[in-house]
């Protein structure tokens, strides 16, 4: 086969991989999705049980397939998202291979790639879409004494439900949506402190009777350039209908400045107070999960060298689902479809041999292209 007829390998069969597969098929590429899990639903089955989307169903669908029935203003549950992704994958006429983990990607002299799997398979590819997300690479801070702590310490990626914490003293670390949501849930069963480095910023979920995402869409703020987003990251806020703010204000969830160290039985707070603690849950985010690219030389400290999802080191390699890749919503259900238009158009132009002149032609063929053309990187 020639590079034009070889498949485009999409690593990851979650929301990013499925959006990429649909876009690739639309412009005549031959996508092959390789998913390490048992089904093409990404990491959603592994999130905590009570997780709901922070955006309404009407704004949270991938291109081409809306959420089924019900109130379009509802916030879909974790299980609803899993069912939706199963249905989305079933709507695609593409090759999806589950139980297939990519172990390495090698460049070829002709400009293509050789993709290795854990089963020993080697697949020649015209291009690669790294859409493996970040859930498999949770970020844990390095804190003094953590190795001597005898209580339960875990990342929120390993938290499922509150019952194991009934009656316990729990510290949740983080100031984002997941940290606050988990702390609020635990507070009904345990004594909970939310440890943050700065005061929590709350953002109204609804403004003038409409969800925040309505205003983000009509104002264009949902697609602010990445350079603007980087300046705004420090002001990241927790979406709230009022219940989280009230929980902190009333003391149901206590907020304290981040502790400085662990002791064998607990933590040392910033004011020097030592307190016994049964469990610490870190909701401190994730890093890109790209171990299969380490030997390729495209990562800088584990972070891909890219602009707008397009590799700056290897032609024919693109990324999807990175946080703040091109917009505030890049790593979410509601935003990844727009980014898929951009990176797949670039990949199709590369495979065709017309990387500059062909870009807009490929964009015009993609689902959701009208919303993507002209969006700043």
Protein backbone atom coordinates (compact mmCIF):
# COMPACT_ATOMS: atom_id res chain seq x y z
CA UNK A 1 0.00 0.00 0.00
CA UNK A 2 1.01 3.62 -0.52
CA UNK A 3 0.70 6.25 2.22
CA UNK A 4 -2.52 7.47 0.55
CA UNK A 5 -4.21 4.09 0.85
CA UNK A 6 -2.86 3.07 4.25
CA UNK A 7 -5.14 3.57 7.23
CA UNK A 8 -4.98 6.47 9.64
CA UNK A 9 -4.50 4.99 13.09
CA UNK A 10 -6.52 6.62 15.88
CA UNK A 11 -5.15 5.73 19.31
CA UNK A 12 -8.05 5.74 21.76
CA UNK A 13 -11.72 4.94 21.33
CA UNK A 14 -13.26 7.46 23.70
CA UNK A 15 -14.98 10.71 22.79
CA UNK A 16 -11.90 12.14 21.04
CA UNK A 17 -11.14 9.00 19.05
CA UNK A 18 -14.74 8.58 17.93
CA UNK A 19 -15.01 12.23 16.84
CA UNK A 20 -11.76 11.81 14.89
CA UNK A 21 -13.00 8.60 13.27
CA UNK A 22 -16.17 10.23 11.99
CA UNK A 23 -14.29 13.23 10.64
CA UNK A 24 -11.64 11.05 8.98
CA UNK A 25 -14.22 8.86 7.26
CA UNK A 26 -16.05 11.94 5.99
CA UNK A 27 -13.04 13.14 3.99
CA UNK A 28 -12.20 9.73 2.56
CA UNK A 29 -9.46 8.64 4.94
CA UNK A 30 -9.52 5.08 6.25
CA UNK A 31 -9.59 5.34 10.05
CA UNK A 32 -8.72 2.39 12.28
CA UNK A 33 -9.49 3.00 15.95
CA UNK A 34 -7.36 1.11 18.48
CA UNK A 35 -8.92 1.11 21.96
CA UNK A 36 -7.20 -0.55 24.94
CA UNK A 37 -10.48 -1.06 26.81
CA UNK A 38 -13.21 -3.61 26.31
CA UNK A 39 -15.49 -1.20 24.43
CA UNK A 40 -15.20 2.19 22.71
CA UNK A 41 -16.37 4.41 25.56
CA UNK A 42 -13.06 5.75 26.80
CA UNK A 43 -12.55 6.25 30.54
CA UNK A 44 -16.16 7.13 31.34
CA UNK A 45 -17.00 3.82 33.09
CA UNK A 46 -14.11 4.48 35.50
CA UNK A 47 -15.22 7.91 36.72
CA UNK A 48 -16.94 8.25 40.11
CA UNK A 49 -20.52 7.02 40.17
CA UNK A 50 -22.23 10.37 40.80
CA UNK A 51 -20.42 12.30 38.07
CA UNK A 52 -22.62 14.38 35.80
CA UNK A 53 -21.66 16.60 32.89
CA UNK A 54 -21.27 20.27 33.68
CA UNK A 55 -22.89 21.17 30.35
CA UNK A 56 -26.50 20.40 29.32
CA UNK A 57 -27.30 17.58 26.90
CA UNK A 58 -28.11 20.02 24.07
CA UNK A 59 -24.51 21.30 24.11
CA UNK A 60 -22.71 18.06 24.95
CA UNK A 61 -23.17 15.80 21.92
CA UNK A 62 -20.49 14.84 19.43
CA UNK A 63 -21.03 15.83 15.77
CA UNK A 64 -23.90 14.07 14.03
CA UNK A 65 -25.57 12.25 16.94
CA UNK A 66 -27.56 14.14 19.60
CA UNK A 67 -28.28 12.78 23.06
CA UNK A 68 -31.47 10.72 23.12
CA UNK A 69 -34.78 12.26 24.23
CA UNK A 70 -35.44 13.77 27.62
CA UNK A 71 -34.94 17.36 28.69
CA UNK A 72 -32.21 18.95 26.53
CA UNK A 73 -31.32 21.15 29.53
CA UNK A 74 -30.54 18.16 31.76
CA UNK A 75 -26.99 17.34 32.83
CA UNK A 76 -26.30 13.78 31.61
CA UNK A 77 -25.02 11.26 34.14
CA UNK A 78 -21.91 9.16 33.77
CA UNK A 79 -23.95 6.12 32.75
CA UNK A 80 -25.91 8.15 30.20
CA UNK A 81 -22.64 9.29 28.62
CA UNK A 82 -21.38 5.69 28.47
CA UNK A 83 -24.59 4.63 26.69
CA UNK A 84 -24.32 7.60 24.35
CA UNK A 85 -20.75 6.74 23.35
CA UNK A 86 -21.74 3.11 22.69
CA UNK A 87 -24.48 4.37 20.39
CA UNK A 88 -22.13 6.83 18.71
CA UNK A 89 -19.55 4.13 18.03
CA UNK A 90 -22.28 1.94 16.58
CA UNK A 91 -23.27 4.70 14.17
CA UNK A 92 -19.80 4.80 12.61
CA UNK A 93 -18.94 2.66 9.63
CA UNK A 94 -15.29 2.39 10.62
CA UNK A 95 -12.90 -0.27 11.91
CA UNK A 96 -12.87 -0.13 15.75
CA UNK A 97 -10.64 -2.67 17.51
CA UNK A 98 -11.12 -2.98 21.26
CA UNK A 99 -8.77 -4.72 23.67
CA UNK A 100 -5.88 -3.38 21.60
CA UNK A 101 -3.27 -1.28 23.36
CA UNK A 102 -0.73 0.72 21.35
CA UNK A 103 2.77 0.33 22.80
CA UNK A 104 4.90 2.34 20.38
CA UNK A 105 4.73 4.52 17.27
CA UNK A 106 7.74 4.58 14.95
CA UNK A 107 8.36 6.90 12.00
CA UNK A 108 9.03 5.40 8.57
CA UNK A 109 11.39 6.80 5.92
CA UNK A 110 8.47 7.38 3.53
CA UNK A 111 6.75 9.72 5.98
CA UNK A 112 4.28 7.20 7.37
CA UNK A 113 4.31 5.39 10.71
CA UNK A 114 4.54 1.89 12.10
CA UNK A 115 2.18 1.35 15.02
CA UNK A 116 2.96 -1.47 17.45
CA UNK A 117 0.34 -3.11 19.68
CA UNK A 118 0.60 -5.21 22.83
CA UNK A 119 -0.40 -8.28 20.80
CA UNK A 120 2.76 -7.93 18.70
CA UNK A 121 0.96 -6.53 15.66
CA UNK A 122 2.65 -3.90 13.47
CA UNK A 123 0.34 -1.67 11.46
CA UNK A 124 1.59 0.61 8.68
CA UNK A 125 -0.21 3.95 8.88
CA UNK A 126 -0.37 7.07 6.73
CA UNK A 127 -0.88 9.15 9.86
CA UNK A 128 -1.59 8.89 13.57
CA UNK A 129 -4.18 10.60 15.76
CA UNK A 130 -3.16 10.50 19.43
CA UNK A 131 -6.55 10.58 21.15
CA UNK A 132 -5.81 8.58 24.29
CA UNK A 133 -6.84 11.29 26.74
CA UNK A 134 -5.32 11.81 30.18
CA UNK A 135 -7.35 9.73 32.66
CA UNK A 136 -4.65 7.05 32.72
CA UNK A 137 -2.02 9.57 33.86
CA UNK A 138 -3.31 11.33 37.02
CA UNK A 139 -1.23 14.16 38.43
CA UNK A 140 -0.16 13.69 42.06
CA UNK A 141 1.84 16.39 43.87
CA UNK A 142 5.05 15.44 45.67
CA UNK A 143 4.58 16.28 49.35
CA UNK A 144 6.87 15.76 52.30
CA UNK A 145 6.10 12.63 54.31
CA UNK A 146 3.64 11.07 51.88
CA UNK A 147 5.57 7.81 51.91
CA UNK A 148 5.15 7.50 55.69
CA UNK A 149 1.43 8.25 55.76
CA UNK A 150 -0.53 5.18 56.91
CA UNK A 151 -3.99 6.35 55.90
CA UNK A 152 -5.70 6.00 52.54
CA UNK A 153 -4.30 8.27 49.84
CA UNK A 154 -5.53 8.24 46.24
CA UNK A 155 -6.26 10.35 43.22
CA UNK A 156 -9.88 11.11 42.40
CA UNK A 157 -9.41 8.82 39.39
CA UNK A 158 -9.63 5.96 41.90
CA UNK A 159 -12.61 7.33 43.84
CA UNK A 160 -15.99 5.74 43.11
CA UNK A 161 -18.54 6.34 45.89
CA UNK A 162 -18.79 7.78 49.43
CA UNK A 163 -19.78 4.67 51.41
CA UNK A 164 -16.21 3.53 52.27
CA UNK A 165 -15.62 6.90 53.97
CA UNK A 166 -18.60 6.91 56.34
CA UNK A 167 -17.64 8.44 59.70
CA UNK A 168 -14.06 9.16 58.61
CA UNK A 169 -11.96 12.31 58.54
CA UNK A 170 -11.28 13.08 54.86
CA UNK A 171 -9.26 15.79 53.10
CA UNK A 172 -10.00 16.48 49.43
CA UNK A 173 -7.25 18.41 47.64
CA UNK A 174 -8.18 20.69 44.73
CA UNK A 175 -10.24 23.74 43.79
CA UNK A 176 -11.87 22.54 40.57
CA UNK A 177 -15.23 21.04 39.69
CA UNK A 178 -14.35 17.44 40.57
CA UNK A 179 -12.79 18.34 43.93
CA UNK A 180 -15.78 20.38 45.03
CA UNK A 181 -18.32 17.87 43.74
CA UNK A 182 -16.62 14.96 45.54
CA UNK A 183 -16.15 16.96 48.76
CA UNK A 184 -19.83 17.93 48.72
CA UNK A 185 -20.89 14.33 48.19
CA UNK A 186 -18.63 13.04 50.96
CA UNK A 187 -19.82 15.68 53.44
CA UNK A 188 -23.09 13.80 53.89
CA UNK A 189 -21.15 10.79 55.18
CA UNK A 190 -17.85 12.06 56.58
CA UNK A 191 -16.02 14.99 58.15
CA UNK A 192 -14.58 16.74 55.08
CA UNK A 193 -12.03 19.47 54.55
CA UNK A 194 -11.31 20.93 51.12
CA UNK A 195 -7.62 21.86 50.88
CA UNK A 196 -6.78 24.51 48.27
CA UNK A 197 -3.90 26.90 47.60
CA UNK A 198 -6.25 29.79 46.85
CA UNK A 199 -9.88 30.58 47.71
CA UNK A 200 -12.40 28.74 45.54
CA UNK A 201 -13.88 30.76 42.69
CA UNK A 202 -17.54 29.99 41.95
CA UNK A 203 -19.19 30.68 38.61
CA UNK A 204 -23.00 30.66 38.26
CA UNK A 205 -24.29 27.63 36.37
CA UNK A 206 -27.31 29.61 35.20
CA UNK A 207 -27.48 33.28 34.23
CA UNK A 208 -30.81 34.98 33.50
CA UNK A 209 -32.51 31.61 33.39
CA UNK A 210 -30.12 30.02 30.90
CA UNK A 211 -27.19 27.69 31.41
CA UNK A 212 -23.76 29.29 31.23
CA UNK A 213 -22.94 27.26 28.11
CA UNK A 214 -25.68 29.05 26.20
CA UNK A 215 -23.92 32.36 26.86
CA UNK A 216 -20.51 30.90 26.05
CA UNK A 217 -21.80 29.79 22.67
CA UNK A 218 -23.63 32.91 21.56
CA UNK A 219 -20.85 35.22 22.78
CA UNK A 220 -18.07 33.27 21.09
CA UNK A 221 -16.21 32.97 24.40
CA UNK A 222 -16.44 29.20 24.04
CA UNK A 223 -13.81 29.43 21.30
CA UNK A 224 -11.40 31.95 22.74
CA UNK A 225 -7.87 31.52 21.36
CA UNK A 226 -5.53 29.36 23.37
CA UNK A 227 -3.21 32.29 24.09
CA UNK A 228 -6.10 34.04 25.84
CA UNK A 229 -7.10 30.88 27.70
CA UNK A 230 -3.61 30.47 29.17
CA UNK A 231 -3.95 33.90 30.76
CA UNK A 232 -7.34 32.98 32.18
CA UNK A 233 -6.41 29.58 33.63
CA UNK A 234 -5.51 31.10 36.98
CA UNK A 235 -9.08 32.31 37.26
CA UNK A 236 -10.64 28.87 36.69
CA UNK A 237 -13.91 28.58 38.58
CA UNK A 238 -16.30 25.93 39.86
CA UNK A 239 -19.67 25.85 38.09
CA UNK A 240 -22.32 26.12 40.78
CA UNK A 241 -26.07 26.47 41.14
CA UNK A 242 -25.43 27.79 44.65
CA UNK A 243 -25.30 24.53 46.59
CA UNK A 244 -21.49 24.30 46.64
CA UNK A 245 -20.98 27.90 47.69
CA UNK A 246 -23.56 27.45 50.46
CA UNK A 247 -21.89 24.24 51.64
CA UNK A 248 -18.56 26.02 52.06
CA UNK A 249 -20.12 29.15 53.60
CA UNK A 250 -22.12 27.08 56.13
CA UNK A 251 -19.17 24.92 57.13
CA UNK A 252 -20.68 21.73 55.82
CA UNK A 253 -17.47 21.55 53.77
CA UNK A 254 -14.56 23.28 55.47
CA UNK A 255 -12.05 25.00 53.22
CA UNK A 256 -8.46 25.39 54.46
CA UNK A 257 -5.21 26.51 52.91
CA UNK A 258 -3.29 23.55 51.49
CA UNK A 259 -1.39 21.45 54.05
CA UNK A 260 2.39 21.44 53.87
CA UNK A 261 3.28 17.83 54.75
CA UNK A 262 2.04 14.42 55.79
CA UNK A 263 2.63 12.77 59.14
CA UNK A 264 2.23 9.01 59.65
CA UNK A 265 -1.31 9.63 60.94
CA UNK A 266 -2.39 12.79 59.15
CA UNK A 267 -1.34 16.18 57.82
CA UNK A 268 0.41 19.37 58.89
CA UNK A 269 -1.65 22.44 58.00
CA UNK A 270 -0.08 25.70 56.86
CA UNK A 271 -0.51 27.21 60.33
CA UNK A 272 1.48 24.36 61.88
CA UNK A 273 -1.49 22.48 63.30
CA UNK A 274 -1.10 18.70 63.08
CA UNK A 275 -4.33 16.82 62.49
CA UNK A 276 -5.06 13.10 62.20
CA UNK A 277 -6.72 12.23 58.90
CA UNK A 278 -8.12 8.90 57.69
CA UNK A 279 -7.99 9.58 53.95
CA UNK A 280 -6.69 12.11 51.42
CA UNK A 281 -8.17 12.34 47.91
CA UNK A 282 -6.24 14.38 45.35
CA UNK A 283 -8.37 16.00 42.65
CA UNK A 284 -5.30 17.60 41.11
CA UNK A 285 -5.83 16.97 37.44
CA UNK A 286 -4.18 14.82 34.80
CA UNK A 287 -1.35 14.87 32.27
CA UNK A 288 -1.53 13.62 28.67
CA UNK A 289 -1.36 9.82 28.59
CA UNK A 290 1.05 9.25 25.70
CA UNK A 291 3.55 6.53 26.71
CA UNK A 292 3.52 5.10 23.18
CA UNK A 293 5.11 8.32 21.86
CA UNK A 294 8.05 8.48 24.27
CA UNK A 295 10.57 6.97 21.85
CA UNK A 296 9.32 9.10 18.96
CA UNK A 297 10.94 12.23 20.38
CA UNK A 298 7.86 14.43 20.19
CA UNK A 299 7.26 14.86 23.93
CA UNK A 300 8.76 17.51 26.17
CA UNK A 301 8.52 16.34 29.76
CA UNK A 302 5.56 14.18 28.80
CA UNK A 303 3.78 17.07 27.06
CA UNK A 304 3.44 16.91 23.26
CA UNK A 305 5.06 19.58 21.15
CA UNK A 306 2.11 20.80 19.10
CA UNK A 307 0.15 23.84 18.02
CA UNK A 308 -3.61 23.51 17.89
CA UNK A 309 -3.28 19.71 18.01
CA UNK A 310 -0.86 19.46 15.08
CA UNK A 311 2.61 18.11 15.87
CA UNK A 312 5.45 20.56 15.38
CA UNK A 313 7.99 17.73 15.16
CA UNK A 314 6.40 14.95 13.06
CA UNK A 315 4.22 15.56 9.96
CA UNK A 316 1.20 13.27 9.90
CA UNK A 317 0.91 13.16 13.69
CA UNK A 318 -1.97 15.05 15.33
CA UNK A 319 -3.49 15.18 18.80
CA UNK A 320 -7.05 15.38 20.04
CA UNK A 321 -8.54 15.90 23.50
CA UNK A 322 -5.68 17.85 25.08
CA UNK A 323 -6.68 20.35 27.74
CA UNK A 324 -6.95 23.86 26.25
CA UNK A 325 -5.76 22.48 22.90
CA UNK A 326 -7.64 25.12 20.93
CA UNK A 327 -10.45 26.25 23.24
CA UNK A 328 -11.78 26.10 26.77
CA UNK A 329 -13.78 23.00 25.80
CA UNK A 330 -11.11 21.09 23.86
CA UNK A 331 -11.05 18.07 26.17
CA UNK A 332 -14.83 17.84 26.63
CA UNK A 333 -17.67 16.23 24.74
CA UNK A 334 -19.00 19.60 23.67
CA UNK A 335 -15.69 20.88 22.33
CA UNK A 336 -13.74 17.98 20.90
CA UNK A 337 -15.80 17.81 17.69
CA UNK A 338 -14.62 21.26 16.59
CA UNK A 339 -11.01 20.31 17.22
CA UNK A 340 -11.50 17.07 15.27
CA UNK A 341 -12.46 19.15 12.22
CA UNK A 342 -9.22 21.09 12.46
CA UNK A 343 -6.74 18.25 13.03
CA UNK A 344 -8.34 15.82 10.58
CA UNK A 345 -8.38 18.49 7.87
CA UNK A 346 -4.67 19.04 8.45
CA UNK A 347 -4.01 15.30 8.43
CA UNK A 348 -5.99 14.78 5.21
CA UNK A 349 -4.11 17.62 3.53
CA UNK A 350 -0.82 16.05 4.60
CA UNK A 351 -1.76 12.61 3.30
CA UNK A 352 -2.90 14.13 -0.01
CA UNK A 353 0.43 15.92 -0.37
CA UNK A 354 -1.14 19.39 -0.32
CA UNK A 355 -0.67 20.52 3.28
CA UNK A 356 -1.25 24.24 2.63
CA UNK A 357 -3.62 24.63 -0.33
CA UNK A 358 -5.72 21.64 0.63
CA UNK A 359 -6.48 22.55 4.25
CA UNK A 360 -9.62 24.61 3.72
CA UNK A 361 -10.93 22.19 1.09
CA UNK A 362 -10.69 19.35 3.57
CA UNK A 363 -12.24 21.49 6.32
CA UNK A 364 -15.23 22.26 4.13
CA UNK A 365 -16.02 18.55 3.80
CA UNK A 366 -16.01 17.83 7.51
CA UNK A 367 -19.05 17.66 9.82
CA UNK A 368 -19.32 20.89 11.80
CA UNK A 369 -16.99 22.70 9.40
CA UNK A 370 -19.00 25.94 9.43
CA UNK A 371 -18.35 26.28 13.14
CA UNK A 372 -14.66 25.50 12.81
CA UNK A 373 -13.42 27.46 9.82
CA UNK A 374 -11.72 30.64 10.98
CA UNK A 375 -11.39 29.59 14.60
CA UNK A 376 -8.09 30.81 16.01
CA UNK A 377 -5.60 28.27 17.23
